[in-house]
């Protein structure tokens, strides 16, 4: 089994502060993202990932985010198994995020 690469919330925050272009995907439920999400992230609920496989381009690296890192890790495993290789799990999830938040409209 392939080991899923990880990134910390502080590393993500630093990359964003340095204007790096990141593909962030928040896989939490609607009521969770209402409390706030990383402004640069797109929201695709974990349960909707299978119907959004065409959203993910193989040459891009995607960083997946959930509340604590468990669901996003499972999404990474699922995507790798379905031919999307460049996935990274944000360990600690939004519980460990100290950066800016936006509310999902």
PDB file of N, CA and C in Angstrom:
ATOM      1  N   UNK A   1       0.837  -1.194   0.000  1.00  0.00           N
ATOM      2  CA  UNK A   1       0.000   0.000   0.000  1.00  0.00           C
ATOM      3  C   UNK A   1       0.879   1.254   0.000  1.00  0.00           C
ATOM      4  N   UNK A   2       0.490   2.215  -0.803  1.00  0.00           N
ATOM      5  CA  UNK A   2       1.244   3.459  -0.914  1.00  0.00           C
ATOM      6  C   UNK A   2       1.031   4.325   0.322  1.00  0.00           C
ATOM      7  N   UNK A   3       2.112   4.902   0.811  1.00  0.00           N
ATOM      8  CA  UNK A   3       1.997   5.813   1.941  1.00  0.00           C
ATOM      9  C   UNK A   3       1.536   7.178   1.431  1.00  0.00           C
ATOM     10  N   UNK A   4       0.559   7.745   2.104  1.00  0.00           N
ATOM     11  CA  UNK A   4       0.013   9.041   1.712  1.00  0.00           C
ATOM     12  C   UNK A   4       0.920  10.144   2.255  1.00  0.00           C
ATOM     13  N   UNK A   5       1.293  11.071   1.377  1.00  0.00           N
ATOM     14  CA  UNK A   5       2.105  12.206   1.811  1.00  0.00           C
ATOM     15  C   UNK A   5       1.269  13.118   2.703  1.00  0.00           C
ATOM     16  N   UNK A   6       1.941  13.809   3.614  1.00  0.00           N
ATOM     17  CA  UNK A   6       1.245  14.700   4.534  1.00  0.00           C
ATOM     18  C   UNK A   6       1.886  16.082   4.523  1.00  0.00           C
ATOM     19  N   UNK A   7       1.106  17.042   5.007  1.00  0.00           N
ATOM     20  CA  UNK A   7       1.570  18.413   5.183  1.00  0.00           C
ATOM     21  C   UNK A   7       0.894  18.936   6.444  1.00  0.00           C
ATOM     22  N   UNK A   8       1.586  19.787   7.176  1.00  0.00           N
ATOM     23  CA  UNK A   8       0.990  20.337   8.391  1.00  0.00           C
ATOM     24  C   UNK A   8       0.198  21.608   8.046  1.00  0.00           C
ATOM     25  N   UNK A   9      -0.753  21.980   8.899  1.00  0.00           N
ATOM     26  CA  UNK A   9      -1.467  23.237   8.682  1.00  0.00           C
ATOM     27  C   UNK A   9      -0.517  24.436   8.621  1.00  0.00           C
ATOM     28  N   UNK A  10       0.528  24.446   9.444  1.00  0.00           N
ATOM     29  CA  UNK A  10       1.487  25.551   9.408  1.00  0.00           C
ATOM     30  C   UNK A  10       2.230  25.619   8.077  1.00  0.00           C
ATOM     31  N   UNK A  11       2.543  24.444   7.493  1.00  0.00           N
ATOM     32  CA  UNK A  11       3.200  24.430   6.181  1.00  0.00           C
ATOM     33  C   UNK A  11       2.268  24.968   5.100  1.00  0.00           C
ATOM     34  N   UNK A  12       0.996  24.595   5.170  1.00  0.00           N
ATOM     35  CA  UNK A  12       0.018  25.114   4.209  1.00  0.00           C
ATOM     36  C   UNK A  12      -0.088  26.631   4.360  1.00  0.00           C
ATOM     37  N   UNK A  13      -0.217  27.094   5.589  1.00  0.00           N
ATOM     38  CA  UNK A  13      -0.334  28.532   5.858  1.00  0.00           C
ATOM     39  C   UNK A  13       0.880  29.275   5.311  1.00  0.00           C
ATOM     40  N   UNK A  14       2.081  28.747   5.531  1.00  0.00           N
ATOM     41  CA  UNK A  14       3.308  29.369   5.045  1.00  0.00           C
ATOM     42  C   UNK A  14       3.327  29.442   3.522  1.00  0.00           C
ATOM     43  N   UNK A  15       2.924  28.360   2.864  1.00  0.00           N
ATOM     44  CA  UNK A  15       2.893  28.351   1.399  1.00  0.00           C
ATOM     45  C   UNK A  15       1.913  29.402   0.871  1.00  0.00           C
ATOM     46  N   UNK A  16       0.747  29.507   1.514  1.00  0.00           N
ATOM     47  CA  UNK A  16      -0.228  30.507   1.090  1.00  0.00           C
ATOM     48  C   UNK A  16       0.300  31.921   1.316  1.00  0.00           C
ATOM     49  N   UNK A  17       0.982  32.141   2.433  1.00  0.00           N
ATOM     50  CA  UNK A  17       1.554  33.460   2.721  1.00  0.00           C
ATOM     51  C   UNK A  17       2.640  33.829   1.719  1.00  0.00           C
ATOM     52  N   UNK A  18       3.288  32.812   1.129  1.00  0.00           N
ATOM     53  CA  UNK A  18       4.314  33.035   0.108  1.00  0.00           C
ATOM     54  C   UNK A  18       3.725  33.033  -1.303  1.00  0.00           C
ATOM     55  N   UNK A  19       2.397  33.139  -1.371  1.00  0.00           N
ATOM     56  CA  UNK A  19       1.667  33.210  -2.646  1.00  0.00           C
ATOM     57  C   UNK A  19       1.874  31.996  -3.542  1.00  0.00           C
ATOM     58  N   UNK A  20       2.134  30.829  -2.924  1.00  0.00           N
ATOM     59  CA  UNK A  20       2.202  29.607  -3.720  1.00  0.00           C
ATOM     60  C   UNK A  20       0.787  29.229  -4.133  1.00  0.00           C
ATOM     61  N   UNK A  21       0.659  28.721  -5.331  1.00  0.00           N
ATOM     62  CA  UNK A  21      -0.640  28.294  -5.828  1.00  0.00           C
ATOM     63  C   UNK A  21      -0.891  26.858  -5.362  1.00  0.00           C
ATOM     64  N   UNK A  22      -1.904  26.691  -4.535  1.00  0.00           N
ATOM     65  CA  UNK A  22      -2.230  25.375  -3.989  1.00  0.00           C
ATOM     66  C   UNK A  22      -3.640  24.982  -4.385  1.00  0.00           C
ATOM     67  N   UNK A  23      -3.842  23.687  -4.542  1.00  0.00           N
ATOM     68  CA  UNK A  23      -5.178  23.147  -4.764  1.00  0.00           C
ATOM     69  C   UNK A  23      -5.631  22.513  -3.455  1.00  0.00           C
ATOM     70  N   UNK A  24      -6.469  23.244  -2.714  1.00  0.00           N
ATOM     71  CA  UNK A  24      -6.956  22.787  -1.420  1.00  0.00           C
ATOM     72  C   UNK A  24      -8.396  22.321  -1.559  1.00  0.00           C
ATOM     73  N   UNK A  25      -8.684  21.140  -0.998  1.00  0.00           N
ATOM     74  CA  UNK A  25     -10.034  20.595  -1.058  1.00  0.00           C
ATOM     75  C   UNK A  25     -10.486  20.240   0.349  1.00  0.00           C
ATOM     76  N   UNK A  26     -11.547  20.892   0.809  1.00  0.00           N
ATOM     77  CA  UNK A  26     -12.121  20.648   2.131  1.00  0.00           C
ATOM     78  C   UNK A  26     -13.227  19.607   1.966  1.00  0.00           C
ATOM     79  N   UNK A  27     -13.084  18.463   2.644  1.00  0.00           N
ATOM     80  CA  UNK A  27     -14.033  17.360   2.477  1.00  0.00           C
ATOM     81  C   UNK A  27     -15.028  17.233   3.634  1.00  0.00           C
ATOM     82  N   UNK A  28     -15.100  18.254   4.481  1.00  0.00           N
ATOM     83  CA  UNK A  28     -16.015  18.207   5.617  1.00  0.00           C
ATOM     84  C   UNK A  28     -17.466  18.379   5.169  1.00  0.00           C
ATOM     85  N   UNK A  29     -18.368  18.144   6.099  1.00  0.00           N
ATOM     86  CA  UNK A  29     -19.794  18.301   5.831  1.00  0.00           C
ATOM     87  C   UNK A  29     -20.168  19.783   5.811  1.00  0.00           C
ATOM     88  N   UNK A  30     -21.328  20.089   5.231  1.00  0.00           N
ATOM     89  CA  UNK A  30     -21.779  21.470   5.073  1.00  0.00           C
ATOM     90  C   UNK A  30     -21.786  22.240   6.391  1.00  0.00           C
ATOM     91  N   UNK A  31     -22.333  21.620   7.441  1.00  0.00           N
ATOM     92  CA  UNK A  31     -22.429  22.335   8.718  1.00  0.00           C
ATOM     93  C   UNK A  31     -21.053  22.613   9.319  1.00  0.00           C
ATOM     94  N   UNK A  32     -20.063  21.791   8.983  1.00  0.00           N
ATOM     95  CA  UNK A  32     -18.708  22.032   9.473  1.00  0.00           C
ATOM     96  C   UNK A  32     -18.064  23.225   8.770  1.00  0.00           C
ATOM     97  N   UNK A  33     -18.236  23.311   7.452  1.00  0.00           N
ATOM     98  CA  UNK A  33     -17.604  24.411   6.729  1.00  0.00           C
ATOM     99  C   UNK A  33     -18.318  25.737   6.987  1.00  0.00           C
ATOM    100  N   UNK A  34     -19.551  25.677   7.459  1.00  0.00           N
ATOM    101  CA  UNK A  34     -20.246  26.915   7.821  1.00  0.00           C
ATOM    102  C   UNK A  34     -19.510  27.640   8.940  1.00  0.00           C
ATOM    103  N   UNK A  35     -18.783  26.885   9.766  1.00  0.00           N
ATOM    104  CA  UNK A  35     -18.002  27.482  10.852  1.00  0.00           C
ATOM    105  C   UNK A  35     -16.736  28.159  10.331  1.00  0.00           C
ATOM    106  N   UNK A  36     -16.404  27.922   9.092  1.00  0.00           N
ATOM    107  CA  UNK A  36     -15.244  28.544   8.466  1.00  0.00           C
ATOM    108  C   UNK A  36     -14.362  27.536   7.764  1.00  0.00           C
ATOM    109  N   UNK A  37     -13.791  27.984   6.659  1.00  0.00           N
ATOM    110  CA  UNK A  37     -12.871  27.152   5.896  1.00  0.00           C
ATOM    111  C   UNK A  37     -11.727  28.023   5.391  1.00  0.00           C
ATOM    112  N   UNK A  38     -10.661  27.398   4.958  1.00  0.00           N
ATOM    113  CA  UNK A  38      -9.527  28.124   4.402  1.00  0.00           C
ATOM    114  C   UNK A  38     -10.015  28.833   3.135  1.00  0.00           C
ATOM    115  N   UNK A  39      -9.801  30.139   3.013  1.00  0.00           N
ATOM    116  CA  UNK A  39     -10.363  30.899   1.889  1.00  0.00           C
ATOM    117  C   UNK A  39     -10.034  30.332   0.508  1.00  0.00           C
ATOM    118  N   UNK A  40      -8.844  29.774   0.341  1.00  0.00           N
ATOM    119  CA  UNK A  40      -8.433  29.271  -0.980  1.00  0.00           C
ATOM    120  C   UNK A  40      -8.992  27.883  -1.292  1.00  0.00           C
ATOM    121  N   UNK A  41      -9.640  27.246  -0.340  1.00  0.00           N
ATOM    122  CA  UNK A  41     -10.109  25.867  -0.526  1.00  0.00           C
ATOM    123  C   UNK A  41     -11.435  25.824  -1.278  1.00  0.00           C
ATOM    124  N   UNK A  42     -11.629  24.714  -1.993  1.00  0.00           N
ATOM    125  CA  UNK A  42     -12.937  24.399  -2.552  1.00  0.00           C
ATOM    126  C   UNK A  42     -13.565  23.342  -1.642  1.00  0.00           C
ATOM    127  N   UNK A  43     -14.882  23.303  -1.620  1.00  0.00           N
ATOM    128  CA  UNK A  43     -15.583  22.363  -0.740  1.00  0.00           C
ATOM    129  C   UNK A  43     -16.219  21.265  -1.574  1.00  0.00           C
ATOM    130  N   UNK A  44     -15.754  20.038  -1.365  1.00  0.00           N
ATOM    131  CA  UNK A  44     -16.390  18.852  -1.936  1.00  0.00           C
ATOM    132  C   UNK A  44     -16.528  17.861  -0.790  1.00  0.00           C
ATOM    133  N   UNK A  45     -17.743  17.620  -0.339  1.00  0.00           N
ATOM    134  CA  UNK A  45     -17.944  16.700   0.781  1.00  0.00           C
ATOM    135  C   UNK A  45     -17.375  15.321   0.458  1.00  0.00           C
ATOM    136  N   UNK A  46     -16.863  14.653   1.493  1.00  0.00           N
ATOM    137  CA  UNK A  46     -16.244  13.341   1.326  1.00  0.00           C
ATOM    138  C   UNK A  46     -17.146  12.398   0.527  1.00  0.00           C
ATOM    139  N   UNK A  47     -18.413  12.375   0.859  1.00  0.00           N
ATOM    140  CA  UNK A  47     -19.349  11.475   0.181  1.00  0.00           C
ATOM    141  C   UNK A  47     -19.580  11.802  -1.278  1.00  0.00           C
ATOM    142  N   UNK A  48     -19.184  13.003  -1.706  1.00  0.00           N
ATOM    143  CA  UNK A  48     -19.376  13.410  -3.102  1.00  0.00           C
ATOM    144  C   UNK A  48     -18.111  13.239  -3.944  1.00  0.00           C
ATOM    145  N   UNK A  49     -17.009  12.850  -3.319  1.00  0.00           N
ATOM    146  CA  UNK A  49     -15.751  12.691  -4.064  1.00  0.00           C
ATOM    147  C   UNK A  49     -15.897  11.731  -5.248  1.00  0.00           C
ATOM    148  N   UNK A  50     -16.539  10.543  -5.074  1.00  0.00           N
ATOM    149  CA  UNK A  50     -16.632   9.627  -6.223  1.00  0.00           C
ATOM    150  C   UNK A  50     -17.298  10.236  -7.455  1.00  0.00           C
ATOM    151  N   UNK A  51     -18.271  11.111  -7.266  1.00  0.00           N
ATOM    152  CA  UNK A  51     -18.940  11.709  -8.428  1.00  0.00           C
ATOM    153  C   UNK A  51     -18.196  12.933  -8.963  1.00  0.00           C
ATOM    154  N   UNK A  52     -17.099  13.312  -8.322  1.00  0.00           N
ATOM    155  CA  UNK A  52     -16.299  14.454  -8.778  1.00  0.00           C
ATOM    156  C   UNK A  52     -14.898  14.047  -9.236  1.00  0.00           C
ATOM    157  N   UNK A  53     -14.697  12.783  -9.570  1.00  0.00           N
ATOM    158  CA  UNK A  53     -13.361  12.336  -9.982  1.00  0.00           C
ATOM    159  C   UNK A  53     -12.833  13.119 -11.180  1.00  0.00           C
ATOM    160  N   UNK A  54     -13.735  13.557 -12.069  1.00  0.00           N
ATOM    161  CA  UNK A  54     -13.289  14.305 -13.251  1.00  0.00           C
ATOM    162  C   UNK A  54     -12.797  15.709 -12.898  1.00  0.00           C
ATOM    163  N   UNK A  55     -13.034  16.173 -11.672  1.00  0.00           N
ATOM    164  CA  UNK A  55     -12.539  17.471 -11.205  1.00  0.00           C
ATOM    165  C   UNK A  55     -11.020  17.450 -11.030  1.00  0.00           C
ATOM    166  N   UNK A  56     -10.481  16.288 -10.689  1.00  0.00           N
ATOM    167  CA  UNK A  56      -9.068  16.170 -10.327  1.00  0.00           C
ATOM    168  C   UNK A  56      -8.207  15.852 -11.546  1.00  0.00           C
ATOM    169  N   UNK A  57      -7.247  16.740 -11.818  1.00  0.00           N
ATOM    170  CA  UNK A  57      -6.326  16.532 -12.925  1.00  0.00           C
ATOM    171  C   UNK A  57      -5.066  15.874 -12.386  1.00  0.00           C
ATOM    172  N   UNK A  58      -4.609  14.829 -13.071  1.00  0.00           N
ATOM    173  CA  UNK A  58      -3.497  14.022 -12.563  1.00  0.00           C
ATOM    174  C   UNK A  58      -2.207  14.804 -12.366  1.00  0.00           C
ATOM    175  N   UNK A  59      -2.002  15.880 -13.149  1.00  0.00           N
ATOM    176  CA  UNK A  59      -0.743  16.618 -13.028  1.00  0.00           C
ATOM    177  C   UNK A  59      -0.738  17.599 -11.855  1.00  0.00           C
ATOM    178  N   UNK A  60      -1.897  17.892 -11.270  1.00  0.00           N
ATOM    179  CA  UNK A  60      -1.964  18.809 -10.137  1.00  0.00           C
ATOM    180  C   UNK A  60      -1.838  18.068  -8.814  1.00  0.00           C
ATOM    181  N   UNK A  61      -1.280  18.763  -7.835  1.00  0.00           N
ATOM    182  CA  UNK A  61      -1.196  18.211  -6.480  1.00  0.00           C
ATOM    183  C   UNK A  61      -2.348  18.810  -5.669  1.00  0.00           C
ATOM    184  N   UNK A  62      -3.103  17.937  -5.011  1.00  0.00           N
ATOM    185  CA  UNK A  62      -4.246  18.368  -4.221  1.00  0.00           C
ATOM    186  C   UNK A  62      -3.986  18.093  -2.738  1.00  0.00           C
ATOM    187  N   UNK A  63      -4.290  19.086  -1.915  1.00  0.00           N
ATOM    188  CA  UNK A  63      -4.170  18.953  -0.466  1.00  0.00           C
ATOM    189  C   UNK A  63      -5.577  18.829   0.095  1.00  0.00           C
ATOM    190  N   UNK A  64      -5.822  17.732   0.822  1.00  0.00           N
ATOM    191  CA  UNK A  64      -7.155  17.456   1.360  1.00  0.00           C
ATOM    192  C   UNK A  64      -7.216  17.783   2.837  1.00  0.00           C
ATOM    193  N   UNK A  65      -8.367  18.362   3.217  1.00  0.00           N
ATOM    194  CA  UNK A  65      -8.560  18.904   4.551  1.00  0.00           C
ATOM    195  C   UNK A  65      -9.876  18.407   5.118  1.00  0.00           C
ATOM    196  N   UNK A  66      -9.867  18.025   6.401  1.00  0.00           N
ATOM    197  CA  UNK A  66     -11.103  17.744   7.121  1.00  0.00           C
ATOM    198  C   UNK A  66     -10.958  18.333   8.521  1.00  0.00           C
ATOM    199  N   UNK A  67     -11.731  17.830   9.461  1.00  0.00           N
ATOM    200  CA  UNK A  67     -11.675  18.393  10.814  1.00  0.00           C
ATOM    201  C   UNK A  67     -10.369  18.058  11.520  1.00  0.00           C
ATOM    202  N   UNK A  68      -9.950  16.764  11.446  1.00  0.00           N
ATOM    203  CA  UNK A  68      -8.757  16.358  12.189  1.00  0.00           C
ATOM    204  C   UNK A  68      -7.716  15.606  11.354  1.00  0.00           C
ATOM    205  N   UNK A  69      -8.052  15.233  10.136  1.00  0.00           N
ATOM    206  CA  UNK A  69      -7.099  14.541   9.263  1.00  0.00           C
ATOM    207  C   UNK A  69      -7.474  13.119   8.913  1.00  0.00           C
ATOM    208  N   UNK A  70      -8.486  12.558   9.566  1.00  0.00           N
ATOM    209  CA  UNK A  70      -8.875  11.175   9.303  1.00  0.00           C
ATOM    210  C   UNK A  70      -9.641  10.991   8.003  1.00  0.00           C
ATOM    211  N   UNK A  71     -10.687  11.774   7.820  1.00  0.00           N
ATOM    212  CA  UNK A  71     -11.482  11.655   6.587  1.00  0.00           C
ATOM    213  C   UNK A  71     -10.662  12.050   5.373  1.00  0.00           C
ATOM    214  N   UNK A  72      -9.863  13.103   5.501  1.00  0.00           N
ATOM    215  CA  UNK A  72      -9.059  13.533   4.357  1.00  0.00           C
ATOM    216  C   UNK A  72      -8.032  12.463   3.985  1.00  0.00           C
ATOM    217  N   UNK A  73      -7.520  11.731   4.968  1.00  0.00           N
ATOM    218  CA  UNK A  73      -6.593  10.631   4.679  1.00  0.00           C
ATOM    219  C   UNK A  73      -7.306   9.540   3.887  1.00  0.00           C
ATOM    220  N   UNK A  74      -8.530   9.213   4.278  1.00  0.00           N
ATOM    221  CA  UNK A  74      -9.290   8.192   3.547  1.00  0.00           C
ATOM    222  C   UNK A  74      -9.599   8.648   2.121  1.00  0.00           C
ATOM    223  N   UNK A  75      -9.896   9.931   1.941  1.00  0.00           N
ATOM    224  CA  UNK A  75     -10.122  10.463   0.593  1.00  0.00           C
ATOM    225  C   UNK A  75      -8.852  10.326  -0.245  1.00  0.00           C
ATOM    226  N   UNK A  76      -7.710  10.631   0.341  1.00  0.00           N
ATOM    227  CA  UNK A  76      -6.435  10.472  -0.371  1.00  0.00           C
ATOM    228  C   UNK A  76      -6.243   9.027  -0.823  1.00  0.00           C
ATOM    229  N   UNK A  77      -6.488   8.084   0.079  1.00  0.00           N
ATOM    230  CA  UNK A  77      -6.349   6.667  -0.282  1.00  0.00           C
ATOM    231  C   UNK A  77      -7.290   6.298  -1.425  1.00  0.00           C
ATOM    232  N   UNK A  78      -8.513   6.772  -1.355  1.00  0.00           N
ATOM    233  CA  UNK A  78      -9.510   6.486  -2.395  1.00  0.00           C
ATOM    234  C   UNK A  78      -9.049   7.028  -3.747  1.00  0.00           C
ATOM    235  N   UNK A  79      -8.570   8.269  -3.756  1.00  0.00           N
ATOM    236  CA  UNK A  79      -8.155   8.882  -5.019  1.00  0.00           C
ATOM    237  C   UNK A  79      -6.946   8.180  -5.619  1.00  0.00           C
ATOM    238  N   UNK A  80      -5.971   7.819  -4.784  1.00  0.00           N
ATOM    239  CA  UNK A  80      -4.811   7.081  -5.285  1.00  0.00           C
ATOM    240  C   UNK A  80      -5.272   5.767  -5.917  1.00  0.00           C
ATOM    241  N   UNK A  81      -6.193   5.077  -5.254  1.00  0.00           N
ATOM    242  CA  UNK A  81      -6.714   3.813  -5.778  1.00  0.00           C
ATOM    243  C   UNK A  81      -7.479   4.009  -7.086  1.00  0.00           C
ATOM    244  N   UNK A  82      -7.935   5.232  -7.333  1.00  0.00           N
ATOM    245  CA  UNK A  82      -8.688   5.530  -8.548  1.00  0.00           C
ATOM    246  C   UNK A  82      -7.892   6.357  -9.555  1.00  0.00           C
ATOM    247  N   UNK A  83      -6.568   6.295  -9.447  1.00  0.00           N
ATOM    248  CA  UNK A  83      -5.714   6.866 -10.475  1.00  0.00           C
ATOM    249  C   UNK A  83      -5.375   8.340 -10.333  1.00  0.00           C
ATOM    250  N   UNK A  84      -5.646   8.933  -9.178  1.00  0.00           N
ATOM    251  CA  UNK A  84      -5.276  10.329  -8.934  1.00  0.00           C
ATOM    252  C   UNK A  84      -4.088  10.295  -7.959  1.00  0.00           C
ATOM    253  N   UNK A  85      -2.847  10.380  -8.472  1.00  0.00           N
ATOM    254  CA  UNK A  85      -1.676  10.089  -7.634  1.00  0.00           C
ATOM    255  C   UNK A  85      -1.176  11.229  -6.751  1.00  0.00           C
ATOM    256  N   UNK A  86      -1.394  12.478  -7.135  1.00  0.00           N
ATOM    257  CA  UNK A  86      -0.760  13.600  -6.439  1.00  0.00           C
ATOM    258  C   UNK A  86      -1.662  14.162  -5.347  1.00  0.00           C
ATOM    259  N   UNK A  87      -1.771  13.414  -4.261  1.00  0.00           N
ATOM    260  CA  UNK A  87      -2.631  13.815  -3.155  1.00  0.00           C
ATOM    261  C   UNK A  87      -1.814  13.943  -1.871  1.00  0.00           C
ATOM    262  N   UNK A  88      -2.220  14.898  -1.026  1.00  0.00           N
ATOM    263  CA  UNK A  88      -1.523  15.169   0.229  1.00  0.00           C
ATOM    264  C   UNK A  88      -2.586  15.376   1.297  1.00  0.00           C
ATOM    265  N   UNK A  89      -2.384  14.789   2.459  1.00  0.00           N
ATOM    266  CA  UNK A  89      -3.306  14.945   3.578  1.00  0.00           C
ATOM    267  C   UNK A  89      -2.783  16.012   4.533  1.00  0.00           C
ATOM    268  N   UNK A  90      -3.656  16.989   4.887  1.00  0.00           N
ATOM    269  CA  UNK A  90      -3.267  17.992   5.877  1.00  0.00           C
ATOM    270  C   UNK A  90      -3.525  17.403   7.262  1.00  0.00           C
ATOM    271  N   UNK A  91      -2.440  17.032   7.942  1.00  0.00           N
ATOM    272  CA  UNK A  91      -2.548  16.409   9.255  1.00  0.00           C
ATOM    273  C   UNK A  91      -3.072  17.405  10.284  1.00  0.00           C
ATOM    274  N   UNK A  92      -3.874  16.920  11.201  1.00  0.00           N
ATOM    275  CA  UNK A  92      -4.426  17.793  12.231  1.00  0.00           C
ATOM    276  C   UNK A  92      -5.668  18.537  11.801  1.00  0.00           C
ATOM    277  N   UNK A  93      -5.875  18.625  10.486  1.00  0.00           N
ATOM    278  CA  UNK A  93      -7.080  19.231   9.945  1.00  0.00           C
ATOM    279  C   UNK A  93      -7.341  20.647  10.432  1.00  0.00           C
ATOM    280  N   UNK A  94      -8.613  21.019  10.369  1.00  0.00           N
ATOM    281  CA  UNK A  94      -9.008  22.377  10.743  1.00  0.00           C
ATOM    282  C   UNK A  94      -8.876  22.617  12.239  1.00  0.00           C
ATOM    283  N   UNK A  95      -8.836  21.553  13.028  1.00  0.00           N
ATOM    284  CA  UNK A  95      -8.611  21.735  14.465  1.00  0.00           C
ATOM    285  C   UNK A  95      -7.245  22.371  14.726  1.00  0.00           C
ATOM    286  N   UNK A  96      -6.293  22.124  13.831  1.00  0.00           N
ATOM    287  CA  UNK A  96      -4.935  22.650  14.007  1.00  0.00           C
ATOM    288  C   UNK A  96      -4.669  23.902  13.161  1.00  0.00           C
ATOM    289  N   UNK A  97      -5.654  24.338  12.383  1.00  0.00           N
ATOM    290  CA  UNK A  97      -5.473  25.492  11.496  1.00  0.00           C
ATOM    291  C   UNK A  97      -5.507  26.787  12.304  1.00  0.00           C
ATOM    292  N   UNK A  98      -4.522  27.662  12.095  1.00  0.00           N
ATOM    293  CA  UNK A  98      -4.470  28.934  12.807  1.00  0.00           C
ATOM    294  C   UNK A  98      -4.585  30.115  11.865  1.00  0.00           C
ATOM    295  N   UNK A  99      -4.764  29.842  10.577  1.00  0.00           N
ATOM    296  CA  UNK A  99      -4.809  30.915   9.598  1.00  0.00           C
ATOM    297  C   UNK A  99      -6.201  31.503   9.429  1.00  0.00           C
ATOM    298  N   UNK A 100      -6.322  32.292   8.394  1.00  0.00           N
ATOM    299  CA  UNK A 100      -7.558  32.979   8.084  1.00  0.00           C
ATOM    300  C   UNK A 100      -8.663  31.977   7.735  1.00  0.00           C
ATOM    301  N   UNK A 101      -9.899  32.379   8.029  1.00  0.00           N
ATOM    302  CA  UNK A 101     -11.070  31.568   7.692  1.00  0.00           C
ATOM    303  C   UNK A 101     -12.059  32.410   6.911  1.00  0.00           C
ATOM    304  N   UNK A 102     -12.828  31.743   6.058  1.00  0.00           N
ATOM    305  CA  UNK A 102     -13.964  32.408   5.427  1.00  0.00           C
ATOM    306  C   UNK A 102     -15.170  31.535   5.689  1.00  0.00           C
ATOM    307  N   UNK A 103     -16.334  32.151   5.698  1.00  0.00           N
ATOM    308  CA  UNK A 103     -17.552  31.339   5.844  1.00  0.00           C
ATOM    309  C   UNK A 103     -18.016  30.956   4.458  1.00  0.00           C
ATOM    310  N   UNK A 104     -18.532  29.743   4.343  1.00  0.00           N
ATOM    311  CA  UNK A 104     -19.027  29.285   3.049  1.00  0.00           C
ATOM    312  C   UNK A 104     -20.407  29.878   2.836  1.00  0.00           C
ATOM    313  N   UNK A 105     -20.589  30.473   1.699  1.00  0.00           N
ATOM    314  CA  UNK A 105     -21.880  31.092   1.394  1.00  0.00           C
ATOM    315  C   UNK A 105     -22.748  30.129   0.630  1.00  0.00           C
TER     316      UNK A 105
END
